[in-house]
């Protein structure tokens, strides 16, 4: 059974919601689906869910823009759906932009 990690937003992109669901509940999300990952078992899905829920808004926007730069609704464009690859390297750390002047 597949487990999905999804990020939904409202039409104005004011709020981001990170949720998880099973395959049969996939269509029950609210708002626009802008990002999704598919996991084979619940352990990896729950680990990734906790990881994404700990991200700041800027980090979540980076995750979304990497696979969906125009924030299209993936429910309407299923061929753009992102599939997370667990072995992929990703560093969500925001660089320190302090000035030394």
Protein backbone atom coordinates (compact mmCIF):
# COMPACT_ATOMS: atom_id res chain seq x y z
CA UNK A 1 0.00 0.00 0.00
CA UNK A 2 1.30 3.44 -0.88
CA UNK A 3 1.49 6.30 1.61
CA UNK A 4 1.45 9.91 0.44
CA UNK A 5 3.02 12.97 2.01
CA UNK A 6 1.32 16.04 0.59
CA UNK A 7 1.62 19.79 0.90
CA UNK A 8 -1.61 21.70 0.34
CA UNK A 9 -2.08 25.45 0.16
CA UNK A 10 -4.95 27.86 -0.25
CA UNK A 11 -5.49 29.88 -3.43
CA UNK A 12 -3.50 32.84 -2.10
CA UNK A 13 -0.60 30.68 -0.85
CA UNK A 14 -1.03 32.09 2.65
CA UNK A 15 -0.96 28.76 4.47
CA UNK A 16 0.94 25.53 3.85
CA UNK A 17 -0.39 22.27 5.29
CA UNK A 18 1.80 19.16 5.42
CA UNK A 19 -0.35 16.04 5.71
CA UNK A 20 -0.07 12.30 5.18
CA UNK A 21 -2.64 9.92 3.78
CA UNK A 22 -3.02 6.43 2.43
CA UNK A 23 -3.63 5.67 -1.22
CA UNK A 24 -7.41 5.32 -0.96
CA UNK A 25 -7.70 8.67 0.86
CA UNK A 26 -5.51 10.49 -1.65
CA UNK A 27 -8.32 12.61 -3.14
CA UNK A 28 -9.64 13.84 0.22
CA UNK A 29 -7.17 16.69 0.69
CA UNK A 30 -8.38 20.26 0.87
CA UNK A 31 -7.06 23.24 -1.06
CA UNK A 32 -4.53 23.03 -3.86
CA UNK A 33 -2.13 20.10 -3.89
CA UNK A 34 1.27 21.60 -4.73
CA UNK A 35 3.63 18.77 -3.66
CA UNK A 36 3.45 15.05 -2.99
CA UNK A 37 5.77 12.18 -2.17
CA UNK A 38 4.97 8.47 -2.37
CA UNK A 39 6.38 6.04 0.19
CA UNK A 40 6.09 2.27 0.29
CA UNK A 41 5.76 1.83 4.05
CA UNK A 42 4.45 3.80 6.98
CA UNK A 43 7.80 4.08 8.79
CA UNK A 44 9.51 6.07 6.03
CA UNK A 45 6.38 8.13 5.44
CA UNK A 46 6.03 9.08 9.11
CA UNK A 47 9.73 9.95 9.36
CA UNK A 48 9.48 12.21 6.31
CA UNK A 49 6.24 13.75 7.60
CA UNK A 50 7.87 14.72 10.89
CA UNK A 51 10.85 16.09 8.98
CA UNK A 52 8.69 18.27 6.71
CA UNK A 53 6.53 19.46 9.60
CA UNK A 54 9.67 20.77 11.30
CA UNK A 55 10.66 22.88 8.29
CA UNK A 56 10.18 26.63 8.18
CA UNK A 57 7.97 28.17 5.53
CA UNK A 58 11.03 29.11 3.45
CA UNK A 59 12.28 25.53 3.51
CA UNK A 60 8.86 24.19 2.49
CA UNK A 61 8.72 26.67 -0.38
CA UNK A 62 12.11 25.40 -1.59
CA UNK A 63 10.84 21.82 -1.51
CA UNK A 64 7.76 22.83 -3.51
CA UNK A 65 9.61 24.99 -6.04
CA UNK A 66 12.17 22.28 -6.74
CA UNK A 67 9.51 20.05 -8.31
CA UNK A 68 6.66 22.50 -9.02
CA UNK A 69 8.12 25.97 -9.67
CA UNK A 70 4.78 27.50 -10.74
CA UNK A 71 2.82 26.04 -7.82
CA UNK A 72 0.38 24.31 -10.16
CA UNK A 73 -2.42 22.25 -8.66
CA UNK A 74 -1.20 18.66 -9.01
CA UNK A 75 -4.77 17.38 -8.83
CA UNK A 76 -5.34 19.08 -12.17
CA UNK A 77 -1.86 18.27 -13.56
CA UNK A 78 -1.10 14.71 -12.40
CA UNK A 79 1.83 14.28 -14.80
CA UNK A 80 3.77 16.88 -12.77
CA UNK A 81 3.40 14.99 -9.50
CA UNK A 82 6.72 14.77 -7.69
CA UNK A 83 7.95 11.48 -6.32
CA UNK A 84 10.36 11.76 -3.41
CA UNK A 85 13.41 9.54 -3.71
CA UNK A 86 14.66 8.57 -0.23
CA UNK A 87 18.32 8.41 -1.30
CA UNK A 88 18.32 11.96 -2.68
CA UNK A 89 20.55 14.49 -0.96
CA UNK A 90 18.72 17.55 0.30
CA UNK A 91 19.94 20.22 2.64
CA UNK A 92 17.17 22.60 3.66
CA UNK A 93 19.52 24.82 5.67
CA UNK A 94 19.04 28.47 4.92
CA UNK A 95 22.36 30.23 4.28
CA UNK A 96 23.43 32.87 6.74
CA UNK A 97 23.17 36.22 4.91
CA UNK A 98 24.80 38.52 7.45
CA UNK A 99 26.94 41.40 6.36
CA UNK A 100 30.48 41.92 7.66
CA UNK A 101 30.52 45.68 7.12
